């Protein structure tokens, strides 16, 4: 099974690449933004799968998705290293 995760754009690296923070963790990933309908901006939330930002999410949608993923994993926001 594959899983796409919400991440926040924290740095624009080029026209087609961005550094993203996964959830509220200290995990950062590089994601291609070439599939997005509009250019990524710092502060945008995107759904990332296999190194590609597939689409933008609004803040509430990103937070709800992260909450559901934490619930499925049996962790909460205060768990060290939690996403």
C-alpha atoms as a PDB file:
ATOM      1  CA  UNK A   1       0.000   0.000   0.000  1.00  0.00           C
ATOM      2  CA  UNK A   2       1.248   3.468  -0.823  1.00  0.00           C
ATOM      3  CA  UNK A   3       0.672   6.489   1.355  1.00  0.00           C
ATOM      4  CA  UNK A   4       0.762  10.189   0.524  1.00  0.00           C
ATOM      5  CA  UNK A   5       1.422  12.577   3.405  1.00  0.00           C
ATOM      6  CA  UNK A   6       0.791  16.277   4.032  1.00  0.00           C
ATOM      7  CA  UNK A   7       3.875  18.456   4.270  1.00  0.00           C
ATOM      8  CA  UNK A   8       4.495  22.191   4.550  1.00  0.00           C
ATOM      9  CA  UNK A   9       6.697  23.950   2.006  1.00  0.00           C
ATOM     10  CA  UNK A  10       9.509  25.595   3.980  1.00  0.00           C
ATOM     11  CA  UNK A  11      11.949  26.439   1.184  1.00  0.00           C
ATOM     12  CA  UNK A  12      11.729  26.869  -2.576  1.00  0.00           C
ATOM     13  CA  UNK A  13      14.843  25.235  -4.013  1.00  0.00           C
ATOM     14  CA  UNK A  14      14.142  25.833  -7.714  1.00  0.00           C
ATOM     15  CA  UNK A  15      11.236  26.228 -10.131  1.00  0.00           C
ATOM     16  CA  UNK A  16      10.429  22.535  -9.688  1.00  0.00           C
ATOM     17  CA  UNK A  17      11.763  21.569  -6.228  1.00  0.00           C
ATOM     18  CA  UNK A  18      10.847  22.464  -2.658  1.00  0.00           C
ATOM     19  CA  UNK A  19      11.976  21.432   0.802  1.00  0.00           C
ATOM     20  CA  UNK A  20       8.987  20.363   2.891  1.00  0.00           C
ATOM     21  CA  UNK A  21       8.453  19.638   6.575  1.00  0.00           C
ATOM     22  CA  UNK A  22       6.460  16.495   7.296  1.00  0.00           C
ATOM     23  CA  UNK A  23       3.678  17.317   9.735  1.00  0.00           C
ATOM     24  CA  UNK A  24       5.030  18.796  12.952  1.00  0.00           C
ATOM     25  CA  UNK A  25       8.121  16.586  13.000  1.00  0.00           C
ATOM     26  CA  UNK A  26      11.710  17.515  12.352  1.00  0.00           C
ATOM     27  CA  UNK A  27      11.639  15.412   9.192  1.00  0.00           C
ATOM     28  CA  UNK A  28      12.278  17.331   5.981  1.00  0.00           C
ATOM     29  CA  UNK A  29      11.958  16.004   2.458  1.00  0.00           C
ATOM     30  CA  UNK A  30      12.728  17.323  -0.995  1.00  0.00           C
ATOM     31  CA  UNK A  31       9.679  17.209  -3.254  1.00  0.00           C
ATOM     32  CA  UNK A  32       9.240  17.889  -6.927  1.00  0.00           C
ATOM     33  CA  UNK A  33       6.590  20.552  -7.492  1.00  0.00           C
ATOM     34  CA  UNK A  34       6.324  19.997 -11.239  1.00  0.00           C
ATOM     35  CA  UNK A  35       2.887  18.323 -10.942  1.00  0.00           C
ATOM     36  CA  UNK A  36       1.242  21.201  -9.059  1.00  0.00           C
ATOM     37  CA  UNK A  37      -1.296  23.331 -10.927  1.00  0.00           C
ATOM     38  CA  UNK A  38       0.278  26.548  -9.606  1.00  0.00           C
ATOM     39  CA  UNK A  39       3.744  27.351  -8.242  1.00  0.00           C
ATOM     40  CA  UNK A  40       4.445  26.342  -4.653  1.00  0.00           C
ATOM     41  CA  UNK A  41       5.031  29.078  -2.104  1.00  0.00           C
ATOM     42  CA  UNK A  42       6.562  28.972   1.360  1.00  0.00           C
ATOM     43  CA  UNK A  43       3.806  28.091   3.817  1.00  0.00           C
ATOM     44  CA  UNK A  44       1.765  26.052   1.331  1.00  0.00           C
ATOM     45  CA  UNK A  45       0.689  22.581   2.401  1.00  0.00           C
ATOM     46  CA  UNK A  46       1.042  19.869  -0.220  1.00  0.00           C
ATOM     47  CA  UNK A  47       0.307  16.168  -0.333  1.00  0.00           C
ATOM     48  CA  UNK A  48       3.540  14.299  -1.154  1.00  0.00           C
ATOM     49  CA  UNK A  49       3.942  10.804  -2.569  1.00  0.00           C
ATOM     50  CA  UNK A  50       7.123   9.201  -3.908  1.00  0.00           C
ATOM     51  CA  UNK A  51       8.942  12.536  -3.934  1.00  0.00           C
ATOM     52  CA  UNK A  52       6.238  14.440  -5.813  1.00  0.00           C
ATOM     53  CA  UNK A  53       3.941  17.139  -4.450  1.00  0.00           C
ATOM     54  CA  UNK A  54       0.658  16.026  -6.019  1.00  0.00           C
ATOM     55  CA  UNK A  55      -1.592  18.914  -5.034  1.00  0.00           C
ATOM     56  CA  UNK A  56      -1.962  21.753  -2.566  1.00  0.00           C
ATOM     57  CA  UNK A  57      -4.046  21.383   0.593  1.00  0.00           C
ATOM     58  CA  UNK A  58      -5.537  24.085   2.746  1.00  0.00           C
ATOM     59  CA  UNK A  59      -4.341  24.262   6.359  1.00  0.00           C
ATOM     60  CA  UNK A  60      -7.442  22.603   7.826  1.00  0.00           C
ATOM     61  CA  UNK A  61      -7.349  19.717   5.357  1.00  0.00           C
ATOM     62  CA  UNK A  62      -3.645  19.130   6.056  1.00  0.00           C
ATOM     63  CA  UNK A  63      -4.184  19.143   9.834  1.00  0.00           C
ATOM     64  CA  UNK A  64      -7.180  16.800   9.632  1.00  0.00           C
ATOM     65  CA  UNK A  65      -5.253  14.368   7.428  1.00  0.00           C
ATOM     66  CA  UNK A  66      -2.310  14.395   9.849  1.00  0.00           C
ATOM     67  CA  UNK A  67      -4.687  13.831  12.776  1.00  0.00           C
ATOM     68  CA  UNK A  68      -6.201  10.802  11.041  1.00  0.00           C
ATOM     69  CA  UNK A  69      -2.761   9.387  10.185  1.00  0.00           C
ATOM     70  CA  UNK A  70      -1.662   9.789  13.827  1.00  0.00           C
ATOM     71  CA  UNK A  71      -4.856   8.107  14.991  1.00  0.00           C
ATOM     72  CA  UNK A  72      -4.293   5.148  12.648  1.00  0.00           C
ATOM     73  CA  UNK A  73      -0.690   4.867  13.848  1.00  0.00           C
ATOM     74  CA  UNK A  74      -1.761   5.057  17.496  1.00  0.00           C
ATOM     75  CA  UNK A  75       0.321   8.124  18.303  1.00  0.00           C
ATOM     76  CA  UNK A  76      -0.438  11.674  19.369  1.00  0.00           C
ATOM     77  CA  UNK A  77       1.171  15.053  18.713  1.00  0.00           C
ATOM     78  CA  UNK A  78       3.198  14.910  21.938  1.00  0.00           C
ATOM     79  CA  UNK A  79       4.882  11.616  21.000  1.00  0.00           C
ATOM     80  CA  UNK A  80       8.584  12.310  20.330  1.00  0.00           C
ATOM     81  CA  UNK A  81       9.206  12.288  16.585  1.00  0.00           C
ATOM     82  CA  UNK A  82       5.490  12.274  15.786  1.00  0.00           C
ATOM     83  CA  UNK A  83       4.511  13.667  12.425  1.00  0.00           C
END
